[in-house]
């Protein structure tokens, strides 16, 4: 299962590497859920279904932080702001 959206793919230089890492992450998440939630066989699927919601919240938080920065409510030398600028560059 691949979690990279088509929009993200166009900027990748090595899609196979990223896809391989995603498969490793998926396997680790599956191992984690099997070991820590053995009675909840649906746990892995539930977590996968939450990923789009988490991505949407992340994008909303990023936009909120950017608006706060533009309005002057967040100082420029904040690490989150530096990361935001690096991502948008």
PDB file of N, CA and C in Angstrom:
ATOM      1  N   UNK A   1       0.849  -1.173   0.000  1.00  0.00           N
ATOM      2  CA  UNK A   1       0.000   0.000   0.000  1.00  0.00           C
ATOM      3  C   UNK A   1       0.890   1.230   0.000  1.00  0.00           C
ATOM      4  N   UNK A   2       0.602   2.164  -0.865  1.00  0.00           N
ATOM      5  CA  UNK A   2       1.421   3.360  -1.013  1.00  0.00           C
ATOM      6  C   UNK A   2       0.631   4.574  -0.537  1.00  0.00           C
ATOM      7  N   UNK A   3       1.264   5.411   0.273  1.00  0.00           N
ATOM      8  CA  UNK A   3       0.580   6.573   0.832  1.00  0.00           C
ATOM      9  C   UNK A   3       0.982   7.873   0.163  1.00  0.00           C
ATOM     10  N   UNK A   4       1.833   7.793  -0.830  1.00  0.00           N
ATOM     11  CA  UNK A   4       2.225   9.002  -1.537  1.00  0.00           C
ATOM     12  C   UNK A   4       1.107   9.366  -2.499  1.00  0.00           C
ATOM     13  N   UNK A   5       0.661  10.584  -2.419  1.00  0.00           N
ATOM     14  CA  UNK A   5      -0.374  11.042  -3.335  1.00  0.00           C
ATOM     15  C   UNK A   5       0.263  11.381  -4.671  1.00  0.00           C
ATOM     16  N   UNK A   6      -0.518  11.331  -5.725  1.00  0.00           N
ATOM     17  CA  UNK A   6      -0.017  11.618  -7.074  1.00  0.00           C
ATOM     18  C   UNK A   6       0.627  12.995  -7.149  1.00  0.00           C
ATOM     19  N   UNK A   7       0.104  13.952  -6.395  1.00  0.00           N
ATOM     20  CA  UNK A   7       0.670  15.297  -6.390  1.00  0.00           C
ATOM     21  C   UNK A   7       2.100  15.265  -5.874  1.00  0.00           C
ATOM     22  N   UNK A   8       2.372  14.420  -4.888  1.00  0.00           N
ATOM     23  CA  UNK A   8       3.697  14.344  -4.296  1.00  0.00           C
ATOM     24  C   UNK A   8       4.704  13.673  -5.221  1.00  0.00           C
ATOM     25  N   UNK A   9       4.258  12.779  -6.072  1.00  0.00           N
ATOM     26  CA  UNK A   9       5.145  11.953  -6.885  1.00  0.00           C
ATOM     27  C   UNK A   9       5.945  12.778  -7.877  1.00  0.00           C
ATOM     28  N   UNK A  10       5.385  13.833  -8.420  1.00  0.00           N
ATOM     29  CA  UNK A  10       6.063  14.586  -9.475  1.00  0.00           C
ATOM     30  C   UNK A  10       7.384  15.200  -9.011  1.00  0.00           C
ATOM     31  N   UNK A  11       7.549  15.433  -7.728  1.00  0.00           N
ATOM     32  CA  UNK A  11       8.770  16.051  -7.218  1.00  0.00           C
ATOM     33  C   UNK A  11       9.807  15.044  -6.730  1.00  0.00           C
ATOM     34  N   UNK A  12       9.498  13.767  -6.800  1.00  0.00           N
ATOM     35  CA  UNK A  12      10.425  12.754  -6.311  1.00  0.00           C
ATOM     36  C   UNK A  12      11.487  12.428  -7.347  1.00  0.00           C
ATOM     37  N   UNK A  13      12.723  12.310  -6.884  1.00  0.00           N
ATOM     38  CA  UNK A  13      13.803  11.896  -7.766  1.00  0.00           C
ATOM     39  C   UNK A  13      13.971  10.387  -7.759  1.00  0.00           C
ATOM     40  N   UNK A  14      13.643   9.733  -6.643  1.00  0.00           N
ATOM     41  CA  UNK A  14      13.831   8.291  -6.536  1.00  0.00           C
ATOM     42  C   UNK A  14      12.584   7.666  -5.920  1.00  0.00           C
ATOM     43  N   UNK A  15      11.566   7.501  -6.748  1.00  0.00           N
ATOM     44  CA  UNK A  15      10.292   6.977  -6.266  1.00  0.00           C
ATOM     45  C   UNK A  15      10.446   5.577  -5.690  1.00  0.00           C
ATOM     46  N   UNK A  16      11.282   4.736  -6.319  1.00  0.00           N
ATOM     47  CA  UNK A  16      11.444   3.366  -5.838  1.00  0.00           C
ATOM     48  C   UNK A  16      11.993   3.337  -4.415  1.00  0.00           C
ATOM     49  N   UNK A  17      12.919   4.214  -4.107  1.00  0.00           N
ATOM     50  CA  UNK A  17      13.474   4.280  -2.757  1.00  0.00           C
ATOM     51  C   UNK A  17      12.387   4.663  -1.756  1.00  0.00           C
ATOM     52  N   UNK A  18      11.618   5.683  -2.080  1.00  0.00           N
ATOM     53  CA  UNK A  18      10.552   6.135  -1.184  1.00  0.00           C
ATOM     54  C   UNK A  18       9.501   5.049  -1.025  1.00  0.00           C
ATOM     55  N   UNK A  19       9.152   4.397  -2.113  1.00  0.00           N
ATOM     56  CA  UNK A  19       8.169   3.320  -2.053  1.00  0.00           C
ATOM     57  C   UNK A  19       8.675   2.177  -1.170  1.00  0.00           C
ATOM     58  N   UNK A  20       9.963   1.855  -1.278  1.00  0.00           N
ATOM     59  CA  UNK A  20      10.547   0.813  -0.434  1.00  0.00           C
ATOM     60  C   UNK A  20      10.508   1.181   1.040  1.00  0.00           C
ATOM     61  N   UNK A  21      10.805   2.433   1.337  1.00  0.00           N
ATOM     62  CA  UNK A  21      10.758   2.896   2.726  1.00  0.00           C
ATOM     63  C   UNK A  21       9.325   2.848   3.242  1.00  0.00           C
ATOM     64  N   UNK A  22       8.371   3.225   2.405  1.00  0.00           N
ATOM     65  CA  UNK A  22       6.969   3.157   2.823  1.00  0.00           C
ATOM     66  C   UNK A  22       6.565   1.719   3.133  1.00  0.00           C
ATOM     67  N   UNK A  23       7.026   0.789   2.333  1.00  0.00           N
ATOM     68  CA  UNK A  23       6.715  -0.615   2.595  1.00  0.00           C
ATOM     69  C   UNK A  23       7.314  -1.060   3.927  1.00  0.00           C
ATOM     70  N   UNK A  24       8.520  -0.591   4.231  1.00  0.00           N
ATOM     71  CA  UNK A  24       9.148  -0.919   5.515  1.00  0.00           C
ATOM     72  C   UNK A  24       8.355  -0.314   6.674  1.00  0.00           C
ATOM     73  N   UNK A  25       7.901   0.911   6.506  1.00  0.00           N
ATOM     74  CA  UNK A  25       7.105   1.564   7.547  1.00  0.00           C
ATOM     75  C   UNK A  25       5.793   0.816   7.747  1.00  0.00           C
ATOM     76  N   UNK A  26       5.159   0.429   6.653  1.00  0.00           N
ATOM     77  CA  UNK A  26       3.914  -0.340   6.754  1.00  0.00           C
ATOM     78  C   UNK A  26       4.143  -1.651   7.486  1.00  0.00           C
ATOM     79  N   UNK A  27       5.233  -2.335   7.164  1.00  0.00           N
ATOM     80  CA  UNK A  27       5.542  -3.605   7.825  1.00  0.00           C
ATOM     81  C   UNK A  27       5.794  -3.387   9.312  1.00  0.00           C
ATOM     82  N   UNK A  28       6.497  -2.307   9.649  1.00  0.00           N
ATOM     83  CA  UNK A  28       6.762  -2.003  11.057  1.00  0.00           C
ATOM     84  C   UNK A  28       5.465  -1.685  11.797  1.00  0.00           C
ATOM     85  N   UNK A  29       4.576  -0.934  11.158  1.00  0.00           N
ATOM     86  CA  UNK A  29       3.284  -0.616  11.775  1.00  0.00           C
ATOM     87  C   UNK A  29       2.456  -1.876  11.960  1.00  0.00           C
ATOM     88  N   UNK A  30       2.472  -2.749  10.976  1.00  0.00           N
ATOM     89  CA  UNK A  30       1.748  -4.015  11.093  1.00  0.00           C
ATOM     90  C   UNK A  30       2.319  -4.847  12.238  1.00  0.00           C
ATOM     91  N   UNK A  31       3.644  -4.963  12.303  1.00  0.00           N
ATOM     92  CA  UNK A  31       4.275  -5.704  13.403  1.00  0.00           C
ATOM     93  C   UNK A  31       3.898  -5.102  14.754  1.00  0.00           C
ATOM     94  N   UNK A  32       3.932  -3.782  14.835  1.00  0.00           N
ATOM     95  CA  UNK A  32       3.593  -3.100  16.081  1.00  0.00           C
ATOM     96  C   UNK A  32       2.162  -3.408  16.506  1.00  0.00           C
ATOM     97  N   UNK A  33       1.234  -3.302  15.567  1.00  0.00           N
ATOM     98  CA  UNK A  33      -0.164  -3.531  15.929  1.00  0.00           C
ATOM     99  C   UNK A  33      -0.421  -4.985  16.293  1.00  0.00           C
ATOM    100  N   UNK A  34       0.226  -5.906  15.594  1.00  0.00           N
ATOM    101  CA  UNK A  34       0.044  -7.329  15.908  1.00  0.00           C
ATOM    102  C   UNK A  34       0.595  -7.646  17.294  1.00  0.00           C
ATOM    103  N   UNK A  35       1.747  -7.068  17.626  1.00  0.00           N
ATOM    104  CA  UNK A  35       2.375  -7.335  18.931  1.00  0.00           C
ATOM    105  C   UNK A  35       1.656  -6.637  20.088  1.00  0.00           C
ATOM    106  N   UNK A  36       1.196  -5.425  19.862  1.00  0.00           N
ATOM    107  CA  UNK A  36       0.623  -4.631  20.947  1.00  0.00           C
ATOM    108  C   UNK A  36      -0.893  -4.691  21.040  1.00  0.00           C
ATOM    109  N   UNK A  37      -1.534  -5.128  19.990  1.00  0.00           N
ATOM    110  CA  UNK A  37      -2.999  -5.238  19.970  1.00  0.00           C
ATOM    111  C   UNK A  37      -3.416  -6.582  19.376  1.00  0.00           C
ATOM    112  N   UNK A  38      -2.938  -7.680  19.955  1.00  0.00           N
ATOM    113  CA  UNK A  38      -3.213  -8.998  19.354  1.00  0.00           C
ATOM    114  C   UNK A  38      -4.699  -9.349  19.302  1.00  0.00           C
ATOM    115  N   UNK A  39      -5.488  -8.813  20.200  1.00  0.00           N
ATOM    116  CA  UNK A  39      -6.918  -9.115  20.215  1.00  0.00           C
ATOM    117  C   UNK A  39      -7.718  -8.230  19.251  1.00  0.00           C
ATOM    118  N   UNK A  40      -7.083  -7.181  18.754  1.00  0.00           N
ATOM    119  CA  UNK A  40      -7.777  -6.243  17.860  1.00  0.00           C
ATOM    120  C   UNK A  40      -7.233  -6.410  16.439  1.00  0.00           C
ATOM    121  N   UNK A  41      -7.721  -7.415  15.762  1.00  0.00           N
ATOM    122  CA  UNK A  41      -7.194  -7.734  14.434  1.00  0.00           C
ATOM    123  C   UNK A  41      -7.439  -6.624  13.410  1.00  0.00           C
ATOM    124  N   UNK A  42      -8.373  -5.758  13.677  1.00  0.00           N
ATOM    125  CA  UNK A  42      -8.695  -4.685  12.737  1.00  0.00           C
ATOM    126  C   UNK A  42      -7.885  -3.416  12.997  1.00  0.00           C
ATOM    127  N   UNK A  43      -7.031  -3.412  14.007  1.00  0.00           N
ATOM    128  CA  UNK A  43      -6.305  -2.207  14.414  1.00  0.00           C
ATOM    129  C   UNK A  43      -5.446  -1.630  13.283  1.00  0.00           C
ATOM    130  N   UNK A  44      -4.717  -2.473  12.573  1.00  0.00           N
ATOM    131  CA  UNK A  44      -3.851  -2.009  11.486  1.00  0.00           C
ATOM    132  C   UNK A  44      -4.679  -1.278  10.426  1.00  0.00           C
ATOM    133  N   UNK A  45      -5.763  -1.874  10.012  1.00  0.00           N
ATOM    134  CA  UNK A  45      -6.633  -1.246   9.020  1.00  0.00           C
ATOM    135  C   UNK A  45      -7.212   0.063   9.511  1.00  0.00           C
ATOM    136  N   UNK A  46      -7.581   0.105  10.789  1.00  0.00           N
ATOM    137  CA  UNK A  46      -8.120   1.341  11.360  1.00  0.00           C
ATOM    138  C   UNK A  46      -7.082   2.460  11.312  1.00  0.00           C
ATOM    139  N   UNK A  47      -5.841   2.107  11.631  1.00  0.00           N
ATOM    140  CA  UNK A  47      -4.780   3.113  11.587  1.00  0.00           C
ATOM    141  C   UNK A  47      -4.554   3.608  10.164  1.00  0.00           C
ATOM    142  N   UNK A  48      -4.561   2.697   9.210  1.00  0.00           N
ATOM    143  CA  UNK A  48      -4.380   3.098   7.812  1.00  0.00           C
ATOM    144  C   UNK A  48      -5.499   4.027   7.351  1.00  0.00           C
ATOM    145  N   UNK A  49      -6.703   3.752   7.811  1.00  0.00           N
ATOM    146  CA  UNK A  49      -7.833   4.594   7.423  1.00  0.00           C
ATOM    147  C   UNK A  49      -7.751   5.993   8.028  1.00  0.00           C
ATOM    148  N   UNK A  50      -6.996   6.152   9.094  1.00  0.00           N
ATOM    149  CA  UNK A  50      -6.847   7.462   9.744  1.00  0.00           C
ATOM    150  C   UNK A  50      -5.802   8.338   9.051  1.00  0.00           C
ATOM    151  N   UNK A  51      -4.956   7.756   8.232  1.00  0.00           N
ATOM    152  CA  UNK A  51      -3.878   8.527   7.616  1.00  0.00           C
ATOM    153  C   UNK A  51      -4.366   9.720   6.790  1.00  0.00           C
ATOM    154  N   UNK A  52      -5.412   9.591   5.979  1.00  0.00           N
ATOM    155  CA  UNK A  52      -5.885  10.784   5.256  1.00  0.00           C
ATOM    156  C   UNK A  52      -6.352  11.897   6.197  1.00  0.00           C
ATOM    157  N   UNK A  53      -6.974  11.524   7.303  1.00  0.00           N
ATOM    158  CA  UNK A  53      -7.410  12.534   8.275  1.00  0.00           C
ATOM    159  C   UNK A  53      -6.206  13.226   8.901  1.00  0.00           C
ATOM    160  N   UNK A  54      -5.189  12.450   9.218  1.00  0.00           N
ATOM    161  CA  UNK A  54      -3.978  13.021   9.808  1.00  0.00           C
ATOM    162  C   UNK A  54      -3.309  13.960   8.814  1.00  0.00           C
ATOM    163  N   UNK A  55      -3.260  13.553   7.550  1.00  0.00           N
ATOM    164  CA  UNK A  55      -2.658  14.407   6.523  1.00  0.00           C
ATOM    165  C   UNK A  55      -3.448  15.713   6.389  1.00  0.00           C
ATOM    166  N   UNK A  56      -4.771  15.631   6.395  1.00  0.00           N
ATOM    167  CA  UNK A  56      -5.606  16.828   6.282  1.00  0.00           C
ATOM    168  C   UNK A  56      -5.386  17.757   7.473  1.00  0.00           C
ATOM    169  N   UNK A  57      -5.327  17.195   8.669  1.00  0.00           N
ATOM    170  CA  UNK A  57      -5.066  18.012   9.862  1.00  0.00           C
ATOM    171  C   UNK A  57      -3.698  18.664   9.787  1.00  0.00           C
ATOM    172  N   UNK A  58      -2.725  17.928   9.296  1.00  0.00           N
ATOM    173  CA  UNK A  58      -1.378  18.460   9.150  1.00  0.00           C
ATOM    174  C   UNK A  58      -1.368  19.652   8.200  1.00  0.00           C
ATOM    175  N   UNK A  59      -2.076  19.528   7.098  1.00  0.00           N
ATOM    176  CA  UNK A  59      -2.142  20.623   6.128  1.00  0.00           C
ATOM    177  C   UNK A  59      -2.864  21.832   6.714  1.00  0.00           C
ATOM    178  N   UNK A  60      -3.922  21.588   7.489  1.00  0.00           N
ATOM    179  CA  UNK A  60      -4.641  22.687   8.136  1.00  0.00           C
ATOM    180  C   UNK A  60      -3.751  23.390   9.153  1.00  0.00           C
ATOM    181  N   UNK A  61      -3.004  22.613   9.920  1.00  0.00           N
ATOM    182  CA  UNK A  61      -2.104  23.196  10.917  1.00  0.00           C
ATOM    183  C   UNK A  61      -1.004  24.003  10.237  1.00  0.00           C
ATOM    184  N   UNK A  62      -0.496  23.491   9.131  1.00  0.00           N
ATOM    185  CA  UNK A  62       0.535  24.209   8.384  1.00  0.00           C
ATOM    186  C   UNK A  62       0.000  25.545   7.870  1.00  0.00           C
ATOM    187  N   UNK A  63      -1.190  25.535   7.323  1.00  0.00           N
ATOM    188  CA  UNK A  63      -1.792  26.768   6.809  1.00  0.00           C
ATOM    189  C   UNK A  63      -2.066  27.754   7.944  1.00  0.00           C
ATOM    190  N   UNK A  64      -2.545  27.254   9.078  1.00  0.00           N
ATOM    191  CA  UNK A  64      -2.790  28.100  10.249  1.00  0.00           C
ATOM    192  C   UNK A  64      -1.487  28.756  10.710  1.00  0.00           C
ATOM    193  N   UNK A  65      -0.426  27.978  10.801  1.00  0.00           N
ATOM    194  CA  UNK A  65       0.864  28.504  11.233  1.00  0.00           C
ATOM    195  C   UNK A  65       1.379  29.547  10.246  1.00  0.00           C
ATOM    196  N   UNK A  66       1.200  29.285   8.966  1.00  0.00           N
ATOM    197  CA  UNK A  66       1.648  30.240   7.955  1.00  0.00           C
ATOM    198  C   UNK A  66       0.888  31.565   8.085  1.00  0.00           C
ATOM    199  N   UNK A  67      -0.434  31.479   8.269  1.00  0.00           N
ATOM    200  CA  UNK A  67      -1.232  32.703   8.441  1.00  0.00           C
ATOM    201  C   UNK A  67      -0.800  33.468   9.688  1.00  0.00           C
ATOM    202  N   UNK A  68      -0.516  32.741  10.765  1.00  0.00           N
ATOM    203  CA  UNK A  68      -0.050  33.394  11.998  1.00  0.00           C
ATOM    204  C   UNK A  68       1.283  34.090  11.764  1.00  0.00           C
ATOM    205  N   UNK A  69       2.147  33.458  10.996  1.00  0.00           N
ATOM    206  CA  UNK A  69       3.446  34.056  10.699  1.00  0.00           C
ATOM    207  C   UNK A  69       3.277  35.320   9.849  1.00  0.00           C
ATOM    208  N   UNK A  70       2.452  35.238   8.821  1.00  0.00           N
ATOM    209  CA  UNK A  70       2.233  36.383   7.933  1.00  0.00           C
ATOM    210  C   UNK A  70       1.638  37.562   8.697  1.00  0.00           C
ATOM    211  N   UNK A  71       0.772  37.280   9.651  1.00  0.00           N
ATOM    212  CA  UNK A  71       0.155  38.358  10.431  1.00  0.00           C
ATOM    213  C   UNK A  71       1.073  38.878  11.538  1.00  0.00           C
ATOM    214  N   UNK A  72       2.243  38.251  11.705  1.00  0.00           N
ATOM    215  CA  UNK A  72       3.201  38.718  12.696  1.00  0.00           C
ATOM    216  C   UNK A  72       3.016  38.141  14.083  1.00  0.00           C
ATOM    217  N   UNK A  73       2.162  37.163  14.226  1.00  0.00           N
ATOM    218  CA  UNK A  73       1.904  36.566  15.538  1.00  0.00           C
ATOM    219  C   UNK A  73       2.948  35.531  15.949  1.00  0.00           C
ATOM    220  N   UNK A  74       3.763  35.081  14.997  1.00  0.00           N
ATOM    221  CA  UNK A  74       4.795  34.085  15.292  1.00  0.00           C
ATOM    222  C   UNK A  74       6.127  34.656  14.821  1.00  0.00           C
ATOM    223  N   UNK A  75       7.150  34.673  15.670  1.00  0.00           N
ATOM    224  CA  UNK A  75       8.445  35.227  15.267  1.00  0.00           C
ATOM    225  C   UNK A  75       9.088  34.405  14.147  1.00  0.00           C
ATOM    226  N   UNK A  76       9.869  35.082  13.312  1.00  0.00           N
ATOM    227  CA  UNK A  76      10.497  34.427  12.166  1.00  0.00           C
ATOM    228  C   UNK A  76      11.523  33.386  12.583  1.00  0.00           C
ATOM    229  N   UNK A  77      12.204  33.597  13.696  1.00  0.00           N
ATOM    230  CA  UNK A  77      13.272  32.688  14.107  1.00  0.00           C
ATOM    231  C   UNK A  77      12.750  31.446  14.826  1.00  0.00           C
ATOM    232  N   UNK A  78      11.506  31.140  14.656  1.00  0.00           N
ATOM    233  CA  UNK A  78      10.881  29.950  15.219  1.00  0.00           C
ATOM    234  C   UNK A  78      11.220  28.756  14.327  1.00  0.00           C
ATOM    235  N   UNK A  79      11.581  27.619  14.923  1.00  0.00           N
ATOM    236  CA  UNK A  79      11.957  26.435  14.152  1.00  0.00           C
ATOM    237  C   UNK A  79      10.836  25.982  13.225  1.00  0.00           C
ATOM    238  N   UNK A  80       9.599  26.014  13.698  1.00  0.00           N
ATOM    239  CA  UNK A  80       8.481  25.609  12.843  1.00  0.00           C
ATOM    240  C   UNK A  80       8.356  26.512  11.620  1.00  0.00           C
ATOM    241  N   UNK A  81       8.588  27.794  11.808  1.00  0.00           N
ATOM    242  CA  UNK A  81       8.517  28.731  10.685  1.00  0.00           C
ATOM    243  C   UNK A  81       9.642  28.443   9.704  1.00  0.00           C
ATOM    244  N   UNK A  82      10.832  28.163  10.198  1.00  0.00           N
ATOM    245  CA  UNK A  82      11.944  27.823   9.311  1.00  0.00           C
ATOM    246  C   UNK A  82      11.634  26.567   8.507  1.00  0.00           C
ATOM    247  N   UNK A  83      11.036  25.577   9.158  1.00  0.00           N
ATOM    248  CA  UNK A  83      10.664  24.346   8.458  1.00  0.00           C
ATOM    249  C   UNK A  83       9.580  24.630   7.420  1.00  0.00           C
ATOM    250  N   UNK A  84       8.642  25.488   7.759  1.00  0.00           N
ATOM    251  CA  UNK A  84       7.571  25.850   6.838  1.00  0.00           C
ATOM    252  C   UNK A  84       8.138  26.532   5.597  1.00  0.00           C
ATOM    253  N   UNK A  85       9.060  27.464   5.796  1.00  0.00           N
ATOM    254  CA  UNK A  85       9.676  28.152   4.659  1.00  0.00           C
ATOM    255  C   UNK A  85      10.475  27.179   3.798  1.00  0.00           C
ATOM    256  N   UNK A  86      11.171  26.254   4.421  1.00  0.00           N
ATOM    257  CA  UNK A  86      11.940  25.264   3.659  1.00  0.00           C
ATOM    258  C   UNK A  86      11.015  24.393   2.818  1.00  0.00           C
ATOM    259  N   UNK A  87       9.874  24.049   3.362  1.00  0.00           N
ATOM    260  CA  UNK A  87       8.926  23.205   2.628  1.00  0.00           C
ATOM    261  C   UNK A  87       8.308  23.958   1.461  1.00  0.00           C
ATOM    262  N   UNK A  88       8.020  25.229   1.656  1.00  0.00           N
ATOM    263  CA  UNK A  88       7.349  26.011   0.610  1.00  0.00           C
ATOM    264  C   UNK A  88       8.318  26.541  -0.431  1.00  0.00           C
ATOM    265  N   UNK A  89       9.597  26.430  -0.190  1.00  0.00           N
ATOM    266  CA  UNK A  89      10.598  26.939  -1.150  1.00  0.00           C
ATOM    267  C   UNK A  89      10.757  26.022  -2.337  1.00  0.00           C
TER     268      UNK A  89
END
